[in-house]
């Protein structure tokens, strides 16, 4: 003879499980988006962020992210070198005339 208490507790457990699964899914999706953005901004493929969910690979990928030269920084350094080769150095201190004599054509005296 089933009691109403047992059916109430099982429905409460089912509701708790659904809420828990929705929250966990939201956390996983948020984590994927965050890691994807981090790897994309560093110049790597955003899909490398998915490796953060693989147990041993996440440590390796995190070390690569921390210690390797990022592709975006490598490209920035190349562009800076190209710019410095294209434009020669300008003189550091341009020479301006001392006490310039400005004359306004309206007020000739």
Protein backbone atom coordinates (compact mmCIF):
# COMPACT_ATOMS: atom_id res chain seq x y z
CA UNK A 1 0.00 0.00 0.00
CA UNK A 2 1.83 3.09 -1.22
CA UNK A 3 1.65 6.15 0.92
CA UNK A 4 1.27 9.71 -0.28
CA UNK A 5 4.49 10.61 1.52
CA UNK A 6 6.52 8.34 -0.78
CA UNK A 7 5.07 9.83 -3.96
CA UNK A 8 5.60 13.35 -2.63
CA UNK A 9 9.22 12.71 -1.82
CA UNK A 10 9.87 11.11 -5.19
CA UNK A 11 8.32 14.07 -7.02
CA UNK A 12 10.40 16.48 -4.90
CA UNK A 13 13.49 14.45 -5.71
CA UNK A 14 12.60 14.53 -9.41
CA UNK A 15 12.10 18.30 -9.33
CA UNK A 16 15.42 18.76 -7.50
CA UNK A 17 17.15 16.57 -10.08
CA UNK A 18 15.75 18.60 -12.98
CA UNK A 19 16.80 21.90 -11.37
CA UNK A 20 20.24 20.47 -10.63
CA UNK A 21 20.70 19.26 -14.22
CA UNK A 22 19.62 22.64 -15.65
CA UNK A 23 22.09 24.47 -13.39
CA UNK A 24 24.92 22.08 -14.28
CA UNK A 25 24.17 22.45 -17.99
CA UNK A 26 24.25 26.24 -17.65
CA UNK A 27 27.62 26.06 -15.87
CA UNK A 28 29.10 23.79 -18.55
CA UNK A 29 27.86 26.02 -21.37
CA UNK A 30 29.21 29.12 -19.63
CA UNK A 31 32.59 27.40 -19.12
CA UNK A 32 32.76 26.43 -22.80
CA UNK A 33 32.06 30.00 -23.87
CA UNK A 34 34.67 31.44 -21.48
CA UNK A 35 37.44 29.04 -22.50
CA UNK A 36 36.56 29.46 -26.18
CA UNK A 37 36.92 33.25 -25.88
CA UNK A 38 40.21 33.01 -23.97
CA UNK A 39 41.82 30.75 -26.56
CA UNK A 40 40.44 32.82 -29.45
CA UNK A 41 41.85 36.04 -28.01
CA UNK A 42 45.23 34.38 -27.53
CA UNK A 43 45.28 33.48 -31.22
CA UNK A 44 44.62 29.77 -30.87
CA UNK A 45 41.62 27.92 -32.19
CA UNK A 46 38.66 28.37 -29.87
CA UNK A 47 38.07 24.63 -30.02
CA UNK A 48 41.17 24.15 -27.86
CA UNK A 49 38.98 25.36 -25.01
CA UNK A 50 37.12 22.06 -25.19
CA UNK A 51 40.32 20.32 -24.08
CA UNK A 52 39.86 21.97 -20.69
CA UNK A 53 37.22 19.31 -19.96
CA UNK A 54 39.63 16.39 -20.59
CA UNK A 55 41.35 15.50 -17.29
CA UNK A 56 45.07 15.32 -18.18
CA UNK A 57 44.90 17.39 -21.36
CA UNK A 58 43.60 20.40 -19.42
CA UNK A 59 46.89 20.66 -17.50
CA UNK A 60 48.94 20.41 -20.70
CA UNK A 61 46.80 22.96 -22.54
CA UNK A 62 46.88 25.33 -19.58
CA UNK A 63 50.70 25.12 -19.50
CA UNK A 64 50.83 25.81 -23.24
CA UNK A 65 48.57 28.81 -22.73
CA UNK A 66 50.71 30.10 -19.87
CA UNK A 67 54.24 29.53 -21.18
CA UNK A 68 54.14 29.39 -24.99
CA UNK A 69 54.32 32.45 -27.22
CA UNK A 70 50.80 33.24 -28.35
CA UNK A 71 50.19 33.41 -32.09
CA UNK A 72 48.57 36.83 -31.73
CA UNK A 73 51.71 38.22 -30.04
CA UNK A 74 53.94 36.65 -32.69
CA UNK A 75 51.88 38.36 -35.40
CA UNK A 76 52.00 41.67 -33.53
CA UNK A 77 55.80 41.51 -33.28
CA UNK A 78 56.06 40.77 -37.01
CA UNK A 79 53.87 43.76 -37.83
CA UNK A 80 55.95 46.01 -35.59
CA UNK A 81 59.14 44.87 -37.30
CA UNK A 82 57.62 45.49 -40.73
CA UNK A 83 56.56 48.99 -39.69
CA UNK A 84 60.00 49.88 -38.33
CA UNK A 85 61.63 48.70 -41.58
CA UNK A 86 59.15 50.60 -43.72
CA UNK A 87 59.46 53.93 -41.90
CA UNK A 88 63.01 55.00 -41.01
CA UNK A 89 63.61 56.64 -37.69
CA UNK A 90 62.66 60.27 -37.51
CA UNK A 91 65.00 62.82 -35.94
CA UNK A 92 64.48 62.90 -32.23
CA UNK A 93 64.52 66.67 -31.70
CA UNK A 94 63.33 68.80 -34.61
CA UNK A 95 64.91 72.23 -34.83
CA UNK A 96 62.47 75.11 -34.51
CA UNK A 97 63.49 78.75 -35.14
CA UNK A 98 64.21 80.80 -32.05
CA UNK A 99 61.98 83.87 -31.54
CA UNK A 100 60.00 83.67 -34.77
CA UNK A 101 58.79 86.96 -36.24
CA UNK A 102 55.18 86.55 -37.18
CA UNK A 103 53.63 89.23 -39.34
CA UNK A 104 49.96 89.58 -39.91
CA UNK A 105 49.20 90.94 -43.41
CA UNK A 106 46.16 92.90 -42.12
CA UNK A 107 48.12 95.03 -39.67
CA UNK A 108 51.05 96.33 -41.68
CA UNK A 109 52.46 99.33 -40.02
